Amino acid sequence: MRKMVVCLLTLLGAISGTQPSLAHSSLAVAAPSVSQVVYVSPTRVKLTFDEDLLAIGSANQIEVRSPSGALVSKKITYVNGPNVSVFLSKLKQLGAYKVAYRIVSADGHIVSSFYYFYLKKK
């Protein structure tokens, strides 16, 4: 019985040492940042993740929507290492802008989420 337990523990140790990491990319920095109040219309949204992203066609996307739900981000999303960005049309409405993103992390997993920033008048 003791030999079987030792063999089982050895096998589990070997397997656990070779498993791939289960961590996925997470947002490290955003500009505009999460819940930030801006007084001047930003020209782009830039997100930085904690690891490089896979640049596979249009798999990485950022969409920015106005308070009324209109799309204000351009069609092309740019990827460079851990950075992903999109240019914006001039923001005309005051209020909450939703930044929704979908990225492919270096381990191949898809991560998607969203946040808001706010355009206000000074």
N, C-alpha and C. Protein backbone atom coordinates (compact mmCIF):
# COMPACT_ATOMS: atom_id res chain seq x y z
N MET A 1 0.82 -1.20 0.00
CA MET A 1 0.00 0.00 0.00
C MET A 1 0.87 1.26 0.00
N ARG A 2 1.92 1.22 0.82
CA ARG A 2 2.81 2.37 0.93
C ARG A 2 3.47 2.67 -0.43
N LYS A 3 3.88 1.63 -1.15
CA LYS A 3 4.49 1.83 -2.47
C LYS A 3 3.50 2.48 -3.44
N MET A 4 2.24 2.08 -3.36
CA MET A 4 1.23 2.64 -4.25
C MET A 4 1.03 4.13 -3.94
N VAL A 5 1.02 4.51 -2.70
CA VAL A 5 0.86 5.91 -2.31
C VAL A 5 2.05 6.73 -2.79
N VAL A 6 3.26 6.20 -2.62
CA VAL A 6 4.46 6.90 -3.07
C VAL A 6 4.44 7.06 -4.59
N CYS A 7 4.07 6.01 -5.30
CA CYS A 7 3.98 6.08 -6.77
C CYS A 7 2.93 7.11 -7.21
N LEU A 8 1.79 7.11 -6.54
CA LEU A 8 0.73 8.06 -6.87
C LEU A 8 1.17 9.50 -6.62
N LEU A 9 1.82 9.75 -5.50
CA LEU A 9 2.31 11.10 -5.19
C LEU A 9 3.39 11.54 -6.18
N THR A 10 4.26 10.60 -6.57
CA THR A 10 5.30 10.91 -7.56
C THR A 10 4.66 11.27 -8.91
N LEU A 11 3.69 10.49 -9.31
CA LEU A 11 2.99 10.75 -10.56
C LEU A 11 2.28 12.10 -10.54
N LEU A 12 1.59 12.40 -9.45
CA LEU A 12 0.90 13.69 -9.32
C LEU A 12 1.89 14.84 -9.35
N GLY A 13 3.02 14.68 -8.72
CA GLY A 13 4.06 15.73 -8.73
C GLY A 13 4.59 15.97 -10.13
N ALA A 14 4.81 14.87 -10.86
CA ALA A 14 5.31 15.01 -12.23
C ALA A 14 4.30 15.69 -13.12
N ILE A 15 3.05 15.31 -12.98
CA ILE A 15 2.00 15.91 -13.81
C ILE A 15 1.81 17.38 -13.48
N SER A 16 1.76 17.71 -12.21
CA SER A 16 1.52 19.11 -11.84
C SER A 16 2.67 20.02 -12.23
N GLY A 17 3.87 19.49 -12.36
CA GLY A 17 5.01 20.30 -12.75
C GLY A 17 5.03 20.60 -14.23
N THR A 18 4.27 19.88 -15.02
CA THR A 18 4.31 20.09 -16.47
C THR A 18 3.02 20.69 -17.02
N GLN A 19 2.05 20.99 -16.17
CA GLN A 19 0.82 21.56 -16.67
C GLN A 19 1.03 23.01 -17.07
N PRO A 20 0.36 23.47 -18.12
CA PRO A 20 0.48 24.86 -18.52
C PRO A 20 -0.20 25.77 -17.50
N SER A 21 0.23 27.00 -17.50
CA SER A 21 -0.35 27.98 -16.59
C SER A 21 -1.82 28.22 -16.95
N LEU A 22 -2.65 28.38 -15.96
CA LEU A 22 -4.07 28.62 -16.19
C LEU A 22 -4.42 30.10 -16.12
N ALA A 23 -3.41 30.94 -15.89
CA ALA A 23 -3.66 32.39 -15.81
C ALA A 23 -3.89 32.95 -17.20
N HIS A 24 -4.77 33.92 -17.30
CA HIS A 24 -5.05 34.58 -18.56
C HIS A 24 -4.63 36.04 -18.45
N SER A 25 -4.55 36.70 -19.58
CA SER A 25 -4.21 38.12 -19.57
C SER A 25 -5.23 38.90 -18.76
N SER A 26 -4.73 39.89 -18.07
CA SER A 26 -5.65 40.79 -17.38
C SER A 26 -5.23 42.23 -17.68
N LEU A 27 -6.20 43.10 -17.66
CA LEU A 27 -5.98 44.50 -17.97
C LEU A 27 -5.10 45.13 -16.90
N ALA A 28 -3.99 45.72 -17.30
CA ALA A 28 -3.06 46.36 -16.35
C ALA A 28 -3.24 47.87 -16.34
N VAL A 29 -3.39 48.47 -17.53
CA VAL A 29 -3.51 49.93 -17.65
C VAL A 29 -4.50 50.25 -18.77
N ALA A 30 -5.33 51.24 -18.54
CA ALA A 30 -6.27 51.69 -19.57
C ALA A 30 -6.20 53.21 -19.67
N ALA A 31 -6.30 53.70 -20.90
CA ALA A 31 -6.34 55.15 -21.12
C ALA A 31 -7.40 55.44 -22.17
N PRO A 32 -8.46 56.16 -21.81
CA PRO A 32 -8.84 56.61 -20.49
C PRO A 32 -9.03 55.42 -19.55
N SER A 33 -8.81 55.67 -18.27
CA SER A 33 -8.86 54.59 -17.29
C SER A 33 -10.29 54.28 -16.86
N VAL A 34 -10.42 53.20 -16.14
CA VAL A 34 -11.72 52.75 -15.65
C VAL A 34 -12.33 53.83 -14.75
N SER A 35 -13.54 54.24 -15.08
CA SER A 35 -14.30 55.26 -14.34
C SER A 35 -13.69 56.66 -14.37
N GLN A 36 -12.72 56.89 -15.23
CA GLN A 36 -12.10 58.21 -15.31
C GLN A 36 -13.07 59.23 -15.87
N VAL A 37 -13.01 60.43 -15.33
CA VAL A 37 -13.76 61.56 -15.86
C VAL A 37 -12.81 62.36 -16.74
N VAL A 38 -13.18 62.55 -18.01
CA VAL A 38 -12.36 63.35 -18.93
C VAL A 38 -13.16 64.58 -19.34
N TYR A 39 -12.44 65.66 -19.60
CA TYR A 39 -13.08 66.92 -19.98
C TYR A 39 -12.80 67.30 -21.43
N VAL A 40 -11.91 66.53 -22.05
CA VAL A 40 -11.56 66.72 -23.46
C VAL A 40 -11.75 65.37 -24.15
N SER A 41 -12.33 65.40 -25.32
CA SER A 41 -12.58 64.17 -26.07
C SER A 41 -11.27 63.45 -26.37
N PRO A 42 -11.08 62.22 -25.87
CA PRO A 42 -9.86 61.48 -26.22
C PRO A 42 -9.89 61.08 -27.69
N THR A 43 -8.71 60.92 -28.28
CA THR A 43 -8.63 60.54 -29.69
C THR A 43 -8.52 59.04 -29.88
N ARG A 44 -8.19 58.33 -28.79
CA ARG A 44 -8.09 56.88 -28.86
C ARG A 44 -8.24 56.28 -27.48
N VAL A 45 -8.49 54.96 -27.48
CA VAL A 45 -8.48 54.16 -26.25
C VAL A 45 -7.30 53.21 -26.40
N LYS A 46 -6.46 53.16 -25.37
CA LYS A 46 -5.31 52.25 -25.37
C LYS A 46 -5.37 51.40 -24.11
N LEU A 47 -5.31 50.09 -24.30
CA LEU A 47 -5.33 49.14 -23.20
C LEU A 47 -4.01 48.37 -23.18
N THR A 48 -3.46 48.20 -22.00
CA THR A 48 -2.23 47.43 -21.83
C THR A 48 -2.53 46.26 -20.91
N PHE A 49 -2.17 45.06 -21.34
CA PHE A 49 -2.40 43.86 -20.57
C PHE A 49 -1.10 43.38 -19.93
N ASP A 50 -1.20 42.42 -19.03
CA ASP A 50 -0.03 41.97 -18.29
C ASP A 50 0.81 40.93 -19.04
N GLU A 51 0.45 40.62 -20.27
CA GLU A 51 1.26 39.76 -21.13
C GLU A 51 0.95 40.08 -22.59
N ASP A 52 1.84 39.65 -23.47
CA ASP A 52 1.62 39.89 -24.90
C ASP A 52 0.32 39.23 -25.36
N LEU A 53 -0.26 39.83 -26.39
CA LEU A 53 -1.48 39.30 -26.99
C LEU A 53 -1.12 38.62 -28.30
N LEU A 54 -1.94 37.67 -28.71
CA LEU A 54 -1.76 37.04 -30.01
C LEU A 54 -2.43 37.93 -31.05
N ALA A 55 -1.68 38.36 -32.03
CA ALA A 55 -2.22 39.20 -33.09
C ALA A 55 -2.69 38.30 -34.22
N ILE A 56 -3.94 37.87 -34.14
CA ILE A 56 -4.52 36.94 -35.12
C ILE A 56 -5.67 37.66 -35.82
N GLY A 57 -5.43 38.14 -37.02
CA GLY A 57 -6.49 38.81 -37.78
C GLY A 57 -7.19 39.86 -36.95
N SER A 58 -8.50 39.76 -36.88
CA SER A 58 -9.29 40.74 -36.12
C SER A 58 -9.81 40.13 -34.81
N ALA A 59 -9.05 39.18 -34.25
CA ALA A 59 -9.48 38.51 -33.01
C ALA A 59 -9.49 39.47 -31.82
N ASN A 60 -8.61 40.46 -31.81
CA ASN A 60 -8.56 41.44 -30.73
C ASN A 60 -9.37 42.66 -31.16
N GLN A 61 -10.33 43.03 -30.35
CA GLN A 61 -11.23 44.13 -30.71
C GLN A 61 -11.50 45.04 -29.51
N ILE A 62 -11.62 46.31 -29.80
CA ILE A 62 -12.13 47.28 -28.82
C ILE A 62 -13.27 48.01 -29.51
N GLU A 63 -14.40 48.10 -28.82
CA GLU A 63 -15.53 48.90 -29.30
C GLU A 63 -15.88 49.91 -28.22
N VAL A 64 -16.04 51.15 -28.64
CA VAL A 64 -16.42 52.21 -27.71
C VAL A 64 -17.77 52.75 -28.17
N ARG A 65 -18.69 52.84 -27.23
CA ARG A 65 -20.04 53.31 -27.53
C ARG A 65 -20.38 54.53 -26.69
N SER A 66 -21.09 55.45 -27.31
CA SER A 66 -21.51 56.69 -26.67
C SER A 66 -22.63 56.41 -25.66
N PRO A 67 -23.01 57.42 -24.88
CA PRO A 67 -24.12 57.24 -23.93
C PRO A 67 -25.42 56.79 -24.62
N SER A 68 -25.61 57.16 -25.88
CA SER A 68 -26.82 56.74 -26.60
C SER A 68 -26.66 55.39 -27.29
N GLY A 69 -25.46 54.79 -27.20
CA GLY A 69 -25.21 53.48 -27.78
C GLY A 69 -24.58 53.49 -29.16
N ALA A 70 -24.30 54.67 -29.70
CA ALA A 70 -23.68 54.77 -31.03
C ALA A 70 -22.21 54.36 -30.95
N LEU A 71 -21.76 53.65 -31.97
CA LEU A 71 -20.37 53.24 -32.06
C LEU A 71 -19.52 54.46 -32.39
N VAL A 72 -18.51 54.76 -31.56
CA VAL A 72 -17.65 55.93 -31.80
C VAL A 72 -16.20 55.52 -32.05
N SER A 73 -15.92 54.21 -31.99
CA SER A 73 -14.57 53.73 -32.29
C SER A 73 -14.46 53.39 -33.77
N LYS A 74 -13.26 53.53 -34.30
CA LYS A 74 -13.00 53.18 -35.70
C LYS A 74 -12.99 51.66 -35.84
N LYS A 75 -12.98 51.16 -37.05
CA LYS A 75 -13.07 49.72 -37.32
C LYS A 75 -11.79 48.96 -36.98
N ILE A 76 -10.62 49.59 -37.16
CA ILE A 76 -9.35 48.88 -37.00
C ILE A 76 -8.84 48.98 -35.57
N THR A 77 -8.56 47.82 -34.97
CA THR A 77 -7.94 47.74 -33.65
C THR A 77 -6.48 47.35 -33.86
N TYR A 78 -5.57 48.10 -33.23
CA TYR A 78 -4.14 47.88 -33.37
C TYR A 78 -3.61 47.07 -32.19
N VAL A 79 -2.74 46.09 -32.49
CA VAL A 79 -2.14 45.25 -31.46
C VAL A 79 -0.62 45.33 -31.58
N ASN A 80 0.05 45.55 -30.44
CA ASN A 80 1.51 45.58 -30.41
C ASN A 80 1.95 45.03 -29.06
N GLY A 81 2.36 43.76 -29.04
CA GLY A 81 2.76 43.13 -27.78
C GLY A 81 1.59 43.06 -26.82
N PRO A 82 1.72 43.69 -25.64
CA PRO A 82 0.62 43.67 -24.67
C PRO A 82 -0.37 44.81 -24.85
N ASN A 83 -0.13 45.66 -25.86
CA ASN A 83 -0.96 46.85 -26.08
C ASN A 83 -1.96 46.65 -27.20
N VAL A 84 -3.16 47.17 -26.98
CA VAL A 84 -4.19 47.14 -28.01
C VAL A 84 -4.87 48.51 -27.97
N SER A 85 -5.13 49.08 -29.14
CA SER A 85 -5.71 50.42 -29.16
C SER A 85 -6.63 50.60 -30.36
N VAL A 86 -7.49 51.61 -30.24
CA VAL A 86 -8.42 51.95 -31.31
C VAL A 86 -8.61 53.46 -31.31
N PHE A 87 -8.70 54.03 -32.50
CA PHE A 87 -8.95 55.47 -32.61
C PHE A 87 -10.44 55.75 -32.51
N LEU A 88 -10.77 56.95 -32.04
CA LEU A 88 -12.15 57.36 -31.82
C LEU A 88 -12.55 58.52 -32.71
N SER A 89 -13.82 58.58 -33.04
CA SER A 89 -14.39 59.78 -33.64
C SER A 89 -14.46 60.83 -32.53
N LYS A 90 -14.67 62.08 -32.88
CA LYS A 90 -14.81 63.11 -31.85
C LYS A 90 -16.05 62.81 -31.02
N LEU A 91 -15.86 62.75 -29.71
CA LEU A 91 -16.97 62.46 -28.81
C LEU A 91 -17.79 63.73 -28.60
N LYS A 92 -19.08 63.65 -28.87
CA LYS A 92 -19.94 64.82 -28.84
C LYS A 92 -20.92 64.83 -27.68
N GLN A 93 -21.24 63.65 -27.14
CA GLN A 93 -22.21 63.57 -26.06
C GLN A 93 -21.50 63.53 -24.70
N LEU A 94 -22.07 64.22 -23.75
CA LEU A 94 -21.58 64.11 -22.39
C LEU A 94 -22.18 62.85 -21.78
N GLY A 95 -21.44 62.23 -20.86
CA GLY A 95 -21.97 61.05 -20.18
C GLY A 95 -21.02 59.88 -20.21
N ALA A 96 -21.57 58.68 -19.99
CA ALA A 96 -20.80 57.44 -19.86
C ALA A 96 -20.53 56.79 -21.21
N TYR A 97 -19.26 56.54 -21.48
CA TYR A 97 -18.83 55.84 -22.68
C TYR A 97 -18.40 54.43 -22.29
N LYS A 98 -18.94 53.45 -22.98
CA LYS A 98 -18.64 52.05 -22.68
C LYS A 98 -17.51 51.56 -23.57
N VAL A 99 -16.46 51.04 -22.94
CA VAL A 99 -15.34 50.44 -23.65
C VAL A 99 -15.46 48.93 -23.46
N ALA A 100 -15.77 48.22 -24.55
CA ALA A 100 -15.87 46.77 -24.51
C ALA A 100 -14.69 46.20 -25.29
N TYR A 101 -14.01 45.23 -24.70
CA TYR A 101 -12.87 44.64 -25.39
C TYR A 101 -12.93 43.12 -25.35
N ARG A 102 -12.29 42.57 -26.38
CA ARG A 102 -12.15 41.12 -26.52
C ARG A 102 -10.74 40.91 -27.04
N ILE A 103 -9.93 40.19 -26.26
CA ILE A 103 -8.54 39.97 -26.66
C ILE A 103 -8.22 38.48 -26.59
N VAL A 104 -7.14 38.11 -27.28
CA VAL A 104 -6.65 36.74 -27.23
C VAL A 104 -5.31 36.78 -26.52
N SER A 105 -5.26 36.19 -25.32
CA SER A 105 -4.03 36.21 -24.54
C SER A 105 -3.00 35.27 -25.14
N ALA A 106 -1.77 35.39 -24.69
CA ALA A 106 -0.66 34.59 -25.23
C ALA A 106 -0.90 33.09 -25.10
N ASP A 107 -1.70 32.69 -24.11
CA ASP A 107 -1.98 31.26 -23.95
C ASP A 107 -3.14 30.80 -24.83
N GLY A 108 -3.66 31.71 -25.66
CA GLY A 108 -4.72 31.37 -26.61
C GLY A 108 -6.13 31.54 -26.09
N HIS A 109 -6.27 31.91 -24.83
CA HIS A 109 -7.61 32.08 -24.27
C HIS A 109 -8.18 33.46 -24.61
N ILE A 110 -9.46 33.50 -24.80
CA ILE A 110 -10.15 34.74 -25.11
C ILE A 110 -10.61 35.38 -23.80
N VAL A 111 -10.31 36.65 -23.67
CA VAL A 111 -10.71 37.41 -22.48
C VAL A 111 -11.55 38.58 -22.97
N SER A 112 -12.71 38.75 -22.38
CA SER A 112 -13.54 39.90 -22.76
C SER A 112 -14.14 40.53 -21.52
N SER A 113 -14.28 41.84 -21.59
CA SER A 113 -14.86 42.59 -20.48
C SER A 113 -15.20 43.98 -20.99
N PHE A 114 -15.60 44.84 -20.07
CA PHE A 114 -15.91 46.22 -20.43
C PHE A 114 -15.73 47.10 -19.20
N TYR A 115 -15.66 48.40 -19.47
CA TYR A 115 -15.65 49.40 -18.41
C TYR A 115 -16.19 50.70 -18.98
N TYR A 116 -16.37 51.68 -18.14
CA TYR A 116 -16.88 52.98 -18.56
C TYR A 116 -15.89 54.08 -18.20
N PHE A 117 -15.84 55.10 -19.04
CA PHE A 117 -15.23 56.38 -18.67
C PHE A 117 -16.28 57.44 -18.95
N TYR A 118 -16.10 58.63 -18.41
CA TYR A 118 -17.13 59.65 -18.45
C TYR A 118 -16.60 60.95 -19.05
N LEU A 119 -17.34 61.49 -20.04
CA LEU A 119 -17.02 62.78 -20.62
C LEU A 119 -17.93 63.81 -19.97
N LYS A 120 -17.31 64.81 -19.37
CA LYS A 120 -18.06 65.85 -18.69
C LYS A 120 -17.59 67.22 -19.15
N LYS A 121 -18.40 68.22 -18.90
CA LYS A 121 -18.08 69.60 -19.22
C LYS A 121 -17.37 70.21 -18.02
N LYS A 122 -16.38 71.02 -18.27
CA LYS A 122 -15.67 71.70 -17.18
C LYS A 122 -16.48 72.82 -16.62
